[in-house]
N, C-alpha and C. Protein backbone atom coordinates (compact mmCIF):
# COMPACT_ATOMS: atom_id res chain seq x y z
N MET A 1 18.19 -37.68 1.96
CA MET A 1 16.81 -37.32 2.19
C MET A 1 16.69 -36.46 3.45
N SER A 2 17.40 -36.82 4.47
CA SER A 2 17.36 -36.06 5.72
C SER A 2 17.85 -34.64 5.52
N ASN A 3 18.88 -34.47 4.68
CA ASN A 3 19.41 -33.14 4.42
C ASN A 3 18.37 -32.23 3.79
N ALA A 4 17.60 -32.75 2.83
CA ALA A 4 16.55 -31.96 2.19
C ALA A 4 15.48 -31.58 3.20
N ARG A 5 15.12 -32.52 4.06
CA ARG A 5 14.12 -32.25 5.10
C ARG A 5 14.63 -31.21 6.08
N ASP A 6 15.90 -31.30 6.46
CA ASP A 6 16.51 -30.32 7.36
C ASP A 6 16.53 -28.94 6.73
N ASN A 7 16.86 -28.88 5.42
CA ASN A 7 16.87 -27.60 4.71
C ASN A 7 15.49 -26.97 4.70
N ARG A 8 14.48 -27.79 4.42
CA ARG A 8 13.11 -27.27 4.38
C ARG A 8 12.68 -26.77 5.75
N THR A 9 12.98 -27.53 6.80
CA THR A 9 12.63 -27.10 8.15
C THR A 9 13.33 -25.80 8.50
N ALA A 10 14.59 -25.69 8.14
CA ALA A 10 15.34 -24.46 8.42
C ALA A 10 14.72 -23.27 7.68
N LEU A 11 14.32 -23.47 6.43
CA LEU A 11 13.68 -22.39 5.66
C LEU A 11 12.35 -21.99 6.29
N GLN A 12 11.56 -22.97 6.72
CA GLN A 12 10.28 -22.66 7.33
C GLN A 12 10.47 -21.90 8.64
N GLN A 13 11.43 -22.32 9.45
CA GLN A 13 11.69 -21.63 10.70
C GLN A 13 12.19 -20.22 10.44
N ARG A 14 13.06 -20.05 9.46
CA ARG A 14 13.59 -18.74 9.12
C ARG A 14 12.46 -17.83 8.65
N GLY A 15 11.53 -18.35 7.86
CA GLY A 15 10.39 -17.57 7.40
C GLY A 15 9.51 -17.15 8.56
N ARG A 16 9.30 -18.03 9.53
CA ARG A 16 8.48 -17.68 10.70
C ARG A 16 9.17 -16.64 11.55
N ILE A 17 10.48 -16.76 11.69
CA ILE A 17 11.22 -15.80 12.50
C ILE A 17 11.16 -14.43 11.86
N ARG A 18 11.34 -14.37 10.57
CA ARG A 18 11.30 -13.10 9.86
C ARG A 18 9.89 -12.55 9.73
N GLY A 19 8.90 -13.43 9.75
CA GLY A 19 7.53 -13.00 9.63
C GLY A 19 7.19 -12.42 8.26
N ARG A 20 7.85 -12.90 7.24
CA ARG A 20 7.63 -12.39 5.88
C ARG A 20 7.09 -13.48 4.99
N THR A 21 6.30 -13.06 4.03
CA THR A 21 5.86 -13.94 2.97
C THR A 21 6.29 -13.31 1.66
N PHE A 22 7.04 -14.05 0.89
CA PHE A 22 7.56 -13.55 -0.38
C PHE A 22 6.57 -13.85 -1.50
N GLN A 23 6.34 -12.88 -2.35
CA GLN A 23 5.46 -13.00 -3.50
C GLN A 23 6.25 -12.67 -4.76
N PRO A 24 5.98 -13.37 -5.85
CA PRO A 24 6.64 -12.99 -7.11
C PRO A 24 6.11 -11.63 -7.57
N PRO A 25 6.87 -10.93 -8.40
CA PRO A 25 6.38 -9.65 -8.93
C PRO A 25 5.10 -9.83 -9.74
N GLU A 26 4.36 -8.75 -9.89
CA GLU A 26 3.15 -8.77 -10.70
C GLU A 26 3.49 -9.21 -12.13
N SER A 27 2.57 -9.92 -12.74
CA SER A 27 2.76 -10.43 -14.09
C SER A 27 3.06 -9.30 -15.08
N SER A 28 2.38 -8.17 -14.93
CA SER A 28 2.58 -7.05 -15.86
C SER A 28 4.00 -6.48 -15.74
N LEU A 29 4.56 -6.50 -14.53
CA LEU A 29 5.94 -6.03 -14.36
C LEU A 29 6.94 -6.96 -15.03
N ILE A 30 6.69 -8.25 -14.93
CA ILE A 30 7.57 -9.21 -15.58
C ILE A 30 7.46 -9.08 -17.09
N ASP A 31 6.24 -8.87 -17.59
CA ASP A 31 6.06 -8.68 -19.04
C ASP A 31 6.83 -7.45 -19.52
N GLN A 32 6.73 -6.37 -18.76
CA GLN A 32 7.44 -5.14 -19.12
C GLN A 32 8.95 -5.36 -19.08
N PHE A 33 9.43 -6.03 -18.04
CA PHE A 33 10.85 -6.35 -17.92
C PHE A 33 11.31 -7.16 -19.12
N SER A 34 10.51 -8.14 -19.52
CA SER A 34 10.87 -9.01 -20.65
C SER A 34 10.95 -8.23 -21.95
N ARG A 35 9.97 -7.37 -22.20
CA ARG A 35 10.00 -6.55 -23.41
C ARG A 35 11.25 -5.66 -23.43
N ASN A 36 11.51 -4.99 -22.31
CA ASN A 36 12.67 -4.09 -22.23
C ASN A 36 13.98 -4.84 -22.39
N THR A 37 14.08 -6.01 -21.78
CA THR A 37 15.30 -6.81 -21.88
C THR A 37 15.53 -7.28 -23.31
N CYS A 38 14.48 -7.78 -23.95
CA CYS A 38 14.61 -8.25 -25.34
C CYS A 38 14.94 -7.09 -26.27
N ARG A 39 14.34 -5.93 -26.03
CA ARG A 39 14.64 -4.75 -26.86
C ARG A 39 16.11 -4.36 -26.72
N ALA A 40 16.60 -4.35 -25.49
CA ALA A 40 18.00 -3.98 -25.25
C ALA A 40 18.96 -4.99 -25.88
N LEU A 41 18.64 -6.27 -25.78
CA LEU A 41 19.48 -7.29 -26.40
C LEU A 41 19.49 -7.17 -27.92
N ALA A 42 18.34 -6.87 -28.48
CA ALA A 42 18.26 -6.69 -29.94
C ALA A 42 19.10 -5.50 -30.38
N GLU A 43 19.03 -4.42 -29.63
CA GLU A 43 19.81 -3.23 -29.98
C GLU A 43 21.31 -3.51 -29.91
N LEU A 44 21.73 -4.32 -28.97
CA LEU A 44 23.15 -4.69 -28.87
C LEU A 44 23.60 -5.44 -30.12
N ASP A 45 22.70 -6.24 -30.69
CA ASP A 45 23.01 -7.02 -31.89
C ASP A 45 22.70 -6.26 -33.17
N GLY A 46 22.23 -5.02 -33.06
CA GLY A 46 21.90 -4.24 -34.24
C GLY A 46 20.61 -4.66 -34.91
N GLU A 47 19.76 -5.34 -34.18
CA GLU A 47 18.47 -5.81 -34.72
C GLU A 47 17.36 -4.84 -34.31
N SER A 48 16.23 -4.97 -34.97
CA SER A 48 15.10 -4.09 -34.64
C SER A 48 14.28 -4.63 -33.48
N GLY A 49 14.37 -5.91 -33.19
CA GLY A 49 13.61 -6.49 -32.07
C GLY A 49 13.51 -7.99 -32.19
N PHE A 50 12.78 -8.57 -31.25
CA PHE A 50 12.54 -10.01 -31.22
C PHE A 50 11.09 -10.29 -31.60
N ASP A 51 10.82 -11.50 -32.05
CA ASP A 51 9.45 -11.93 -32.30
C ASP A 51 8.68 -11.93 -30.98
N LEU A 52 7.38 -11.69 -31.08
CA LEU A 52 6.54 -11.72 -29.89
C LEU A 52 6.59 -13.08 -29.19
N GLU A 53 6.78 -14.13 -29.96
CA GLU A 53 6.88 -15.47 -29.40
C GLU A 53 8.10 -15.60 -28.48
N VAL A 54 9.20 -15.01 -28.87
CA VAL A 54 10.42 -15.05 -28.06
C VAL A 54 10.21 -14.26 -26.78
N ILE A 55 9.63 -13.08 -26.90
CA ILE A 55 9.39 -12.24 -25.71
C ILE A 55 8.43 -12.94 -24.76
N SER A 56 7.38 -13.54 -25.30
CA SER A 56 6.41 -14.26 -24.47
C SER A 56 7.05 -15.45 -23.77
N GLY A 57 7.87 -16.20 -24.50
CA GLY A 57 8.56 -17.34 -23.90
C GLY A 57 9.50 -16.93 -22.78
N PHE A 58 10.25 -15.85 -23.01
CA PHE A 58 11.16 -15.35 -21.97
C PHE A 58 10.36 -14.87 -20.76
N SER A 59 9.26 -14.18 -21.00
CA SER A 59 8.42 -13.70 -19.91
C SER A 59 7.86 -14.87 -19.09
N ASN A 60 7.39 -15.90 -19.76
CA ASN A 60 6.87 -17.08 -19.05
C ASN A 60 7.95 -17.77 -18.24
N PHE A 61 9.16 -17.83 -18.77
CA PHE A 61 10.28 -18.42 -18.04
C PHE A 61 10.59 -17.62 -16.76
N VAL A 62 10.63 -16.29 -16.88
CA VAL A 62 10.93 -15.44 -15.72
C VAL A 62 9.81 -15.58 -14.67
N LYS A 63 8.56 -15.66 -15.11
CA LYS A 63 7.44 -15.84 -14.18
C LYS A 63 7.57 -17.15 -13.42
N LEU A 64 7.92 -18.21 -14.13
CA LEU A 64 8.10 -19.50 -13.48
C LEU A 64 9.22 -19.45 -12.45
N MET A 65 10.35 -18.87 -12.83
CA MET A 65 11.48 -18.78 -11.90
C MET A 65 11.13 -17.92 -10.68
N ALA A 66 10.37 -16.86 -10.88
CA ALA A 66 9.96 -16.00 -9.76
C ALA A 66 9.06 -16.77 -8.80
N LYS A 67 8.16 -17.59 -9.33
CA LYS A 67 7.28 -18.40 -8.48
C LYS A 67 8.08 -19.43 -7.69
N VAL A 68 9.01 -20.08 -8.36
CA VAL A 68 9.84 -21.09 -7.70
C VAL A 68 10.68 -20.45 -6.59
N LYS A 69 11.29 -19.31 -6.88
CA LYS A 69 12.13 -18.64 -5.87
C LYS A 69 11.29 -18.18 -4.69
N SER A 70 10.09 -17.67 -4.94
CA SER A 70 9.22 -17.25 -3.84
C SER A 70 8.87 -18.44 -2.95
N LYS A 71 8.56 -19.57 -3.57
CA LYS A 71 8.24 -20.77 -2.78
C LYS A 71 9.45 -21.22 -1.97
N GLU A 72 10.62 -21.14 -2.57
CA GLU A 72 11.85 -21.51 -1.84
C GLU A 72 12.06 -20.59 -0.64
N LEU A 73 11.91 -19.29 -0.86
CA LEU A 73 12.12 -18.32 0.23
C LEU A 73 11.07 -18.46 1.34
N ASN A 74 9.88 -18.91 0.97
CA ASN A 74 8.81 -19.12 1.95
C ASN A 74 8.90 -20.47 2.64
N GLY A 75 9.86 -21.28 2.23
CA GLY A 75 10.03 -22.59 2.86
C GLY A 75 9.06 -23.64 2.36
N GLU A 76 8.38 -23.37 1.25
CA GLU A 76 7.44 -24.33 0.70
C GLU A 76 8.14 -25.45 -0.06
N ILE A 77 9.33 -25.19 -0.56
CA ILE A 77 10.13 -26.20 -1.25
C ILE A 77 11.57 -26.06 -0.76
N GLY A 78 12.36 -27.10 -0.96
CA GLY A 78 13.75 -27.05 -0.56
C GLY A 78 14.60 -26.22 -1.51
N SER A 79 15.80 -25.98 -1.10
CA SER A 79 16.74 -25.20 -1.90
C SER A 79 17.25 -26.01 -3.07
N PHE A 80 17.56 -25.31 -4.16
CA PHE A 80 18.12 -25.97 -5.35
C PHE A 80 19.62 -25.85 -5.42
N ASP A 81 20.24 -25.34 -4.38
CA ASP A 81 21.70 -25.17 -4.38
C ASP A 81 22.42 -26.49 -4.35
C-alpha cells in the first residue's frame, strides 16, 4: 500500500514540477484514428471493412485508455506498471 501511495505522490510532484496537465485527444480524432486503423486492418486481410459496431467498440476502448493514461500522467491515479 505504501508503494502505491509513494508512486502517486511522485507522479503528483513530477506533474507540479513540469507544470503540465495532460488531456486525452479529442473524441473526433480518436474516432478518425479508429476508422483508419480498422480500414487498414481490413485491407491487410483482404476484406472490405469492419462493422460499425466493431469500429465503435474499438474507438470507445481507445478513448477509455486515453483517459486512464492522462489521469496517470497527471498523478490522479497510480501507475499500472
